[in-house]
Amino acid sequence: ALRGWLNSFLVGSLRPTFKSAPAPPAPHVPGMVRVMVGDTLEEEVSASSRDILLVFHSPYGFDKTNSTLQRLARVLAPALADEFLVASFDTMTNAFDTSKFSFVDRFVSEPVFVLLLATAEAWPAHRIYSGKPNLRLLLAFLKKHSTS
């Protein structure tokens, strides 16, 4: 087993592994915040045909932000579920490839709001939201920067 692993390492065929909470059950329910984890983050982002508002956060003090995200997901669900996904990523229980998400400091305690744009690029373009976790402000940000 060790010899096989070493050979895979030397030829560069090992996939990186990241600290990860268990993957949430599929499928995602529209109107709810999608929880992304270390094992599924890159795949879910790269496979998505929707813009994703992804919030990187620690669990401490996330209650108010989470409440706003839940309200945002419910507001967007009826008409825009095919165009937007609201998601969260707990940086305390999960890790991510910092080369793909270099714009996120995983040690910051404040939530980081990132709009990942659904484009034909290999890796999505993004916009950072730097306002307060306020429903009206987030909707204005999405209206201004989304691809829809």
N, C-alpha and C. Protein backbone atom coordinates (compact mmCIF):
# COMPACT_ATOMS: atom_id res chain seq x y z
N ALA A 1 0.83 -1.19 0.00
CA ALA A 1 0.00 0.00 0.00
C ALA A 1 0.87 1.25 0.00
N LEU A 2 1.91 1.25 0.82
CA LEU A 2 2.79 2.41 0.88
C LEU A 2 3.52 2.60 -0.44
N ARG A 3 3.98 1.53 -1.02
CA ARG A 3 4.71 1.62 -2.29
C ARG A 3 3.80 2.22 -3.38
N GLY A 4 2.55 1.77 -3.42
CA GLY A 4 1.60 2.31 -4.40
C GLY A 4 1.35 3.79 -4.20
N TRP A 5 1.21 4.19 -2.94
CA TRP A 5 0.99 5.60 -2.63
C TRP A 5 2.20 6.43 -3.03
N LEU A 6 3.41 5.94 -2.71
CA LEU A 6 4.63 6.66 -3.08
C LEU A 6 4.77 6.79 -4.59
N ASN A 7 4.45 5.74 -5.32
CA ASN A 7 4.50 5.81 -6.79
C ASN A 7 3.51 6.85 -7.31
N SER A 8 2.32 6.86 -6.76
CA SER A 8 1.32 7.85 -7.16
C SER A 8 1.79 9.26 -6.85
N PHE A 9 2.42 9.43 -5.71
CA PHE A 9 2.96 10.74 -5.32
C PHE A 9 4.04 11.18 -6.31
N LEU A 10 4.95 10.28 -6.64
CA LEU A 10 6.07 10.63 -7.51
C LEU A 10 5.62 10.98 -8.93
N VAL A 11 4.57 10.35 -9.41
CA VAL A 11 4.10 10.67 -10.77
C VAL A 11 3.06 11.80 -10.76
N GLY A 12 2.70 12.28 -9.59
CA GLY A 12 1.78 13.41 -9.49
C GLY A 12 0.32 13.09 -9.71
N SER A 13 -0.08 11.85 -9.45
CA SER A 13 -1.48 11.49 -9.68
C SER A 13 -2.34 11.47 -8.41
N LEU A 14 -1.78 11.89 -7.29
CA LEU A 14 -2.58 11.94 -6.05
C LEU A 14 -3.49 13.16 -6.08
N ARG A 15 -4.72 12.98 -5.64
CA ARG A 15 -5.64 14.09 -5.46
C ARG A 15 -5.42 14.68 -4.08
N PRO A 16 -5.39 16.00 -3.96
CA PRO A 16 -5.26 16.57 -2.63
C PRO A 16 -6.49 16.25 -1.78
N THR A 17 -6.27 16.06 -0.51
CA THR A 17 -7.39 15.85 0.40
C THR A 17 -7.40 16.99 1.41
N PHE A 18 -8.59 17.38 1.78
CA PHE A 18 -8.75 18.49 2.70
C PHE A 18 -9.62 18.07 3.87
N LYS A 19 -9.38 18.69 5.00
CA LYS A 19 -10.22 18.48 6.17
C LYS A 19 -11.66 18.76 5.75
N SER A 20 -12.57 17.86 6.13
CA SER A 20 -13.94 18.03 5.67
C SER A 20 -14.95 17.46 6.66
N ALA A 21 -16.00 18.24 6.88
CA ALA A 21 -17.16 17.72 7.60
C ALA A 21 -17.87 16.75 6.66
N PRO A 22 -18.75 15.90 7.16
CA PRO A 22 -19.49 15.00 6.27
C PRO A 22 -20.31 15.80 5.24
N ALA A 23 -20.37 15.28 4.04
CA ALA A 23 -21.14 15.95 2.98
C ALA A 23 -22.63 15.92 3.33
N PRO A 24 -23.33 17.03 3.09
CA PRO A 24 -24.76 17.05 3.36
C PRO A 24 -25.50 16.14 2.39
N PRO A 25 -26.68 15.69 2.78
CA PRO A 25 -27.43 14.82 1.87
C PRO A 25 -27.85 15.58 0.61
N ALA A 26 -27.89 14.86 -0.48
CA ALA A 26 -28.36 15.46 -1.73
C ALA A 26 -29.79 14.99 -1.94
N PRO A 27 -30.60 15.62 -2.67
CA PRO A 27 -30.35 16.86 -3.40
C PRO A 27 -30.58 18.08 -2.52
N HIS A 28 -30.13 19.21 -3.01
CA HIS A 28 -30.32 20.48 -2.32
C HIS A 28 -31.78 20.91 -2.44
N VAL A 29 -32.32 21.46 -1.38
CA VAL A 29 -33.70 21.93 -1.38
C VAL A 29 -33.71 23.42 -1.70
N PRO A 30 -34.36 23.84 -2.79
CA PRO A 30 -34.44 25.27 -3.11
C PRO A 30 -35.07 26.04 -1.94
N GLY A 31 -34.56 27.22 -1.69
CA GLY A 31 -35.05 28.04 -0.59
C GLY A 31 -34.30 27.81 0.70
N MET A 32 -33.33 26.92 0.68
CA MET A 32 -32.48 26.65 1.85
C MET A 32 -31.03 26.98 1.49
N VAL A 33 -30.25 27.30 2.49
CA VAL A 33 -28.82 27.55 2.28
C VAL A 33 -28.13 26.21 2.08
N ARG A 34 -27.37 26.08 1.02
CA ARG A 34 -26.61 24.86 0.74
C ARG A 34 -25.34 24.89 1.59
N VAL A 35 -25.09 23.84 2.33
CA VAL A 35 -23.86 23.72 3.12
C VAL A 35 -22.84 22.99 2.26
N MET A 36 -21.73 23.67 1.97
CA MET A 36 -20.65 23.05 1.22
C MET A 36 -19.56 22.65 2.20
N VAL A 37 -18.86 21.56 1.88
CA VAL A 37 -17.81 21.04 2.76
C VAL A 37 -16.53 20.85 1.96
N GLY A 38 -15.44 20.61 2.66
CA GLY A 38 -14.13 20.47 2.02
C GLY A 38 -14.09 19.44 0.91
N ASP A 39 -14.75 18.30 1.09
CA ASP A 39 -14.71 17.24 0.08
C ASP A 39 -15.49 17.57 -1.19
N THR A 40 -16.45 18.48 -1.11
CA THR A 40 -17.31 18.74 -2.26
C THR A 40 -17.22 20.16 -2.82
N LEU A 41 -16.50 21.05 -2.15
CA LEU A 41 -16.50 22.46 -2.51
C LEU A 41 -16.12 22.70 -3.97
N GLU A 42 -14.94 22.25 -4.37
CA GLU A 42 -14.47 22.52 -5.74
C GLU A 42 -15.39 21.92 -6.78
N GLU A 43 -15.83 20.70 -6.55
CA GLU A 43 -16.71 20.03 -7.51
C GLU A 43 -18.04 20.77 -7.65
N GLU A 44 -18.63 21.17 -6.52
CA GLU A 44 -19.91 21.87 -6.58
C GLU A 44 -19.79 23.22 -7.28
N VAL A 45 -18.69 23.94 -7.00
CA VAL A 45 -18.50 25.25 -7.62
C VAL A 45 -18.25 25.11 -9.11
N SER A 46 -17.35 24.22 -9.50
CA SER A 46 -17.00 24.11 -10.92
C SER A 46 -18.13 23.49 -11.75
N ALA A 47 -18.98 22.68 -11.14
CA ALA A 47 -20.07 22.03 -11.88
C ALA A 47 -21.34 22.89 -11.94
N SER A 48 -21.37 23.98 -11.21
CA SER A 48 -22.59 24.77 -11.12
C SER A 48 -22.80 25.63 -12.36
N SER A 49 -24.04 25.69 -12.81
CA SER A 49 -24.41 26.58 -13.91
C SER A 49 -25.08 27.85 -13.36
N ARG A 50 -25.06 27.98 -12.04
CA ARG A 50 -25.68 29.13 -11.38
C ARG A 50 -24.61 30.00 -10.73
N ASP A 51 -24.94 31.27 -10.52
CA ASP A 51 -24.11 32.11 -9.67
C ASP A 51 -24.27 31.58 -8.25
N ILE A 52 -23.18 31.61 -7.49
CA ILE A 52 -23.22 31.12 -6.11
C ILE A 52 -22.78 32.23 -5.17
N LEU A 53 -23.64 32.59 -4.24
CA LEU A 53 -23.22 33.46 -3.15
C LEU A 53 -22.74 32.54 -2.05
N LEU A 54 -21.43 32.47 -1.87
CA LEU A 54 -20.82 31.55 -0.92
C LEU A 54 -20.23 32.34 0.24
N VAL A 55 -20.61 31.98 1.44
CA VAL A 55 -20.12 32.67 2.63
C VAL A 55 -19.17 31.74 3.38
N PHE A 56 -17.91 32.16 3.46
CA PHE A 56 -16.90 31.46 4.25
C PHE A 56 -16.99 32.04 5.66
N HIS A 57 -17.10 31.17 6.66
CA HIS A 57 -17.32 31.67 8.02
C HIS A 57 -16.76 30.71 9.05
N SER A 58 -16.57 31.23 10.26
CA SER A 58 -16.32 30.37 11.41
C SER A 58 -17.66 30.25 12.14
N PRO A 59 -17.83 29.25 12.98
CA PRO A 59 -19.13 29.07 13.63
C PRO A 59 -19.45 30.14 14.68
N TYR A 60 -18.45 30.86 15.12
CA TYR A 60 -18.65 31.83 16.20
C TYR A 60 -19.30 33.10 15.66
N GLY A 61 -20.43 33.47 16.22
CA GLY A 61 -21.11 34.69 15.82
C GLY A 61 -21.75 34.62 14.44
N PHE A 62 -22.01 33.42 13.94
CA PHE A 62 -22.55 33.27 12.59
C PHE A 62 -24.08 33.28 12.58
N ASP A 63 -24.72 33.26 13.74
CA ASP A 63 -26.18 33.14 13.81
C ASP A 63 -26.91 34.23 13.03
N LYS A 64 -26.52 35.49 13.22
CA LYS A 64 -27.21 36.59 12.53
C LYS A 64 -26.99 36.49 11.03
N THR A 65 -25.77 36.23 10.62
CA THR A 65 -25.48 36.10 9.19
C THR A 65 -26.24 34.92 8.61
N ASN A 66 -26.29 33.81 9.31
CA ASN A 66 -27.00 32.64 8.83
C ASN A 66 -28.49 32.93 8.68
N SER A 67 -29.05 33.67 9.61
CA SER A 67 -30.46 34.05 9.52
C SER A 67 -30.72 34.88 8.26
N THR A 68 -29.83 35.81 7.97
CA THR A 68 -29.96 36.63 6.77
C THR A 68 -29.82 35.77 5.51
N LEU A 69 -28.88 34.82 5.53
CA LEU A 69 -28.70 33.93 4.37
C LEU A 69 -29.94 33.08 4.14
N GLN A 70 -30.54 32.58 5.22
CA GLN A 70 -31.76 31.78 5.09
C GLN A 70 -32.88 32.61 4.46
N ARG A 71 -33.01 33.86 4.91
CA ARG A 71 -34.03 34.74 4.33
C ARG A 71 -33.74 35.01 2.87
N LEU A 72 -32.48 35.24 2.53
CA LEU A 72 -32.09 35.49 1.14
C LEU A 72 -32.41 34.28 0.27
N ALA A 73 -32.09 33.09 0.73
CA ALA A 73 -32.38 31.88 -0.03
C ALA A 73 -33.88 31.72 -0.27
N ARG A 74 -34.69 32.03 0.74
CA ARG A 74 -36.15 31.93 0.58
C ARG A 74 -36.68 32.97 -0.41
N VAL A 75 -36.11 34.18 -0.37
CA VAL A 75 -36.55 35.23 -1.29
C VAL A 75 -36.21 34.87 -2.73
N LEU A 76 -35.04 34.30 -2.95
CA LEU A 76 -34.60 33.98 -4.31
C LEU A 76 -35.23 32.70 -4.86
N ALA A 77 -35.65 31.81 -3.98
CA ALA A 77 -36.09 30.47 -4.40
C ALA A 77 -37.24 30.44 -5.40
N PRO A 78 -38.33 31.16 -5.19
CA PRO A 78 -39.46 30.95 -6.09
C PRO A 78 -39.14 31.21 -7.57
N ALA A 79 -38.48 32.32 -7.86
CA ALA A 79 -38.28 32.69 -9.25
C ALA A 79 -36.86 32.45 -9.76
N LEU A 80 -35.89 32.43 -8.86
CA LEU A 80 -34.50 32.44 -9.31
C LEU A 80 -33.69 31.24 -8.85
N ALA A 81 -34.33 30.17 -8.44
CA ALA A 81 -33.60 29.00 -7.94
C ALA A 81 -32.69 28.39 -9.00
N ASP A 82 -33.04 28.55 -10.27
CA ASP A 82 -32.20 28.01 -11.34
C ASP A 82 -31.01 28.91 -11.67
N GLU A 83 -31.01 30.13 -11.13
CA GLU A 83 -29.96 31.09 -11.45
C GLU A 83 -29.01 31.39 -10.30
N PHE A 84 -29.48 31.20 -9.06
CA PHE A 84 -28.67 31.52 -7.88
C PHE A 84 -28.66 30.36 -6.89
N LEU A 85 -27.56 30.23 -6.21
CA LEU A 85 -27.44 29.31 -5.10
C LEU A 85 -26.82 30.08 -3.94
N VAL A 86 -27.44 30.00 -2.79
CA VAL A 86 -26.90 30.60 -1.58
C VAL A 86 -26.27 29.47 -0.78
N ALA A 87 -24.99 29.61 -0.44
CA ALA A 87 -24.27 28.52 0.22
C ALA A 87 -23.37 29.05 1.33
N SER A 88 -23.03 28.16 2.25
CA SER A 88 -22.11 28.51 3.33
C SER A 88 -21.02 27.45 3.44
N PHE A 89 -19.89 27.87 4.01
CA PHE A 89 -18.73 26.99 4.16
C PHE A 89 -18.07 27.31 5.49
N ASP A 90 -18.10 26.37 6.41
CA ASP A 90 -17.54 26.54 7.75
C ASP A 90 -16.03 26.29 7.69
N THR A 91 -15.25 27.35 7.89
CA THR A 91 -13.79 27.23 7.78
C THR A 91 -13.15 26.59 9.01
N MET A 92 -13.94 26.38 10.05
CA MET A 92 -13.40 25.72 11.25
C MET A 92 -13.40 24.20 11.07
N THR A 93 -14.41 23.67 10.42
CA THR A 93 -14.52 22.21 10.26
C THR A 93 -14.13 21.74 8.87
N ASN A 94 -13.79 22.66 7.98
CA ASN A 94 -13.43 22.31 6.61
C ASN A 94 -12.21 23.12 6.17
N ALA A 95 -11.48 22.57 5.23
CA ALA A 95 -10.37 23.29 4.61
C ALA A 95 -10.62 23.34 3.11
N PHE A 96 -9.92 24.23 2.42
CA PHE A 96 -10.11 24.40 0.99
C PHE A 96 -8.77 24.68 0.32
N ASP A 97 -8.75 24.52 -0.98
CA ASP A 97 -7.55 24.76 -1.78
C ASP A 97 -7.33 26.27 -1.86
N THR A 98 -6.33 26.76 -1.16
CA THR A 98 -6.08 28.20 -1.13
C THR A 98 -5.61 28.75 -2.47
N SER A 99 -5.16 27.90 -3.37
CA SER A 99 -4.78 28.40 -4.69
C SER A 99 -6.03 28.74 -5.51
N LYS A 100 -7.13 28.08 -5.25
CA LYS A 100 -8.39 28.37 -5.97
C LYS A 100 -9.18 29.48 -5.28
N PHE A 101 -9.04 29.59 -3.98
CA PHE A 101 -9.77 30.60 -3.21
C PHE A 101 -8.78 31.53 -2.51
N SER A 102 -7.83 32.05 -3.26
CA SER A 102 -6.77 32.89 -2.68
C SER A 102 -7.31 34.19 -2.10
N PHE A 103 -8.50 34.57 -2.49
CA PHE A 103 -9.11 35.81 -2.03
C PHE A 103 -9.79 35.65 -0.67
N VAL A 104 -9.73 34.45 -0.09
CA VAL A 104 -10.35 34.19 1.22
C VAL A 104 -9.26 33.85 2.22
N ASP A 105 -9.22 34.59 3.31
CA ASP A 105 -8.31 34.28 4.41
C ASP A 105 -9.07 33.36 5.37
N ARG A 106 -8.67 32.11 5.41
CA ARG A 106 -9.44 31.14 6.20
C ARG A 106 -9.33 31.35 7.71
N PHE A 107 -8.47 32.26 8.13
CA PHE A 107 -8.31 32.52 9.56
C PHE A 107 -9.07 33.75 10.04
N VAL A 108 -9.75 34.43 9.13
CA VAL A 108 -10.53 35.61 9.50
C VAL A 108 -11.78 35.16 10.24
N SER A 109 -12.12 35.87 11.30
CA SER A 109 -13.29 35.46 12.09
C SER A 109 -14.60 36.00 11.51
N GLU A 110 -14.54 37.10 10.76
CA GLU A 110 -15.75 37.65 10.16
C GLU A 110 -16.11 36.88 8.89
N PRO A 111 -17.39 36.71 8.61
CA PRO A 111 -17.78 36.02 7.38
C PRO A 111 -17.28 36.75 6.13
N VAL A 112 -16.91 35.99 5.12
CA VAL A 112 -16.47 36.54 3.84
C VAL A 112 -17.50 36.12 2.79
N PHE A 113 -18.17 37.10 2.20
CA PHE A 113 -19.20 36.85 1.19
C PHE A 113 -18.55 36.92 -0.19
N VAL A 114 -18.67 35.83 -0.95
CA VAL A 114 -18.08 35.77 -2.28
C VAL A 114 -19.16 35.37 -3.28
N LEU A 115 -19.31 36.18 -4.32
CA LEU A 115 -20.22 35.83 -5.41
C LEU A 115 -19.38 35.18 -6.49
N LEU A 116 -19.58 33.89 -6.70
CA LEU A 116 -18.88 33.15 -7.75
C LEU A 116 -19.78 33.16 -8.98
N LEU A 117 -19.26 33.71 -10.06
CA LEU A 117 -20.07 33.93 -11.25
C LEU A 117 -20.08 32.72 -12.17
N ALA A 118 -21.26 32.37 -12.63
CA ALA A 118 -21.42 31.25 -13.57
C ALA A 118 -20.94 31.72 -14.94
N THR A 119 -19.76 31.28 -15.30
CA THR A 119 -19.18 31.67 -16.59
C THR A 119 -18.63 30.43 -17.26
N ALA A 120 -18.17 30.60 -18.47
CA ALA A 120 -17.59 29.48 -19.21
C ALA A 120 -16.12 29.27 -18.86
N GLU A 121 -15.60 30.07 -17.97
CA GLU A 121 -14.19 29.95 -17.59
C GLU A 121 -13.94 28.65 -16.83
N ALA A 122 -12.67 28.23 -16.83
CA ALA A 122 -12.31 27.01 -16.11
C ALA A 122 -12.61 27.16 -14.62
N TRP A 123 -12.37 28.32 -14.07
CA TRP A 123 -12.68 28.57 -12.67
C TRP A 123 -13.43 29.89 -12.61
N PRO A 124 -14.52 29.96 -11.87
CA PRO A 124 -15.38 31.13 -11.93
C PRO A 124 -14.72 32.42 -11.46
N ALA A 125 -15.11 33.49 -12.13
CA ALA A 125 -14.74 34.82 -11.66
C ALA A 125 -15.53 35.07 -10.37
N HIS A 126 -15.11 36.07 -9.63
CA HIS A 126 -15.79 36.31 -8.36
C HIS A 126 -15.86 37.79 -8.04
N ARG A 127 -16.76 38.13 -7.15
CA ARG A 127 -16.88 39.46 -6.58
C ARG A 127 -17.00 39.28 -5.07
N ILE A 128 -16.35 40.16 -4.33
CA ILE A 128 -16.41 40.11 -2.87
C ILE A 128 -17.42 41.15 -2.39
N TYR A 129 -18.32 40.72 -1.52
CA TYR A 129 -19.27 41.64 -0.89
C TYR A 129 -18.67 42.06 0.44
N SER A 130 -18.58 43.37 0.66
CA SER A 130 -17.94 43.84 1.89
C SER A 130 -18.89 44.60 2.81
N GLY A 131 -20.18 44.52 2.56
CA GLY A 131 -21.14 45.20 3.41
C GLY A 131 -21.57 44.35 4.60
N LYS A 132 -22.55 44.86 5.31
CA LYS A 132 -23.11 44.13 6.45
C LYS A 132 -24.02 43.02 5.93
N PRO A 133 -24.23 41.98 6.74
CA PRO A 133 -25.15 40.91 6.33
C PRO A 133 -26.61 41.40 6.42
N ASN A 134 -27.01 42.18 5.43
CA ASN A 134 -28.32 42.80 5.39
C ASN A 134 -29.02 42.35 4.11
N LEU A 135 -30.25 41.90 4.22
CA LEU A 135 -30.97 41.34 3.08
C LEU A 135 -31.05 42.32 1.91
N ARG A 136 -31.45 43.54 2.18
CA ARG A 136 -31.60 44.53 1.11
C ARG A 136 -30.27 44.83 0.43
N LEU A 137 -29.21 44.97 1.22
CA LEU A 137 -27.89 45.26 0.65
C LEU A 137 -27.37 44.08 -0.17
N LEU A 138 -27.61 42.86 0.30
CA LEU A 138 -27.18 41.67 -0.46
C LEU A 138 -27.95 41.55 -1.77
N LEU A 139 -29.24 41.84 -1.76
CA LEU A 139 -30.02 41.80 -3.00
C LEU A 139 -29.51 42.84 -4.00
N ALA A 140 -29.18 44.03 -3.51
CA ALA A 140 -28.63 45.07 -4.40
C ALA A 140 -27.28 44.64 -4.98
N PHE A 141 -26.46 44.02 -4.15
CA PHE A 141 -25.16 43.50 -4.61
C PHE A 141 -25.35 42.44 -5.70
N LEU A 142 -26.27 41.51 -5.48
CA LEU A 142 -26.54 40.46 -6.47
C LEU A 142 -27.08 41.05 -7.76
N LYS A 143 -27.96 42.03 -7.65
CA LYS A 143 -28.52 42.67 -8.85
C LYS A 143 -27.42 43.34 -9.67
N LYS A 144 -26.49 43.97 -8.99
CA LYS A 144 -25.42 44.70 -9.68
C LYS A 144 -24.39 43.76 -10.31
N HIS A 145 -24.04 42.66 -9.64
CA HIS A 145 -22.89 41.87 -10.05
C HIS A 145 -23.19 40.49 -10.64
N SER A 146 -24.42 40.04 -10.57
CA SER A 146 -24.70 38.68 -11.04
C SER A 146 -24.69 38.59 -12.56
N THR A 147 -24.57 37.38 -13.07
CA THR A 147 -24.59 37.17 -14.51
C THR A 147 -26.01 37.01 -15.03
N SER A 148 -26.98 36.91 -14.15
CA SER A 148 -28.39 36.70 -14.56
C SER A 148 -29.09 38.02 -14.81
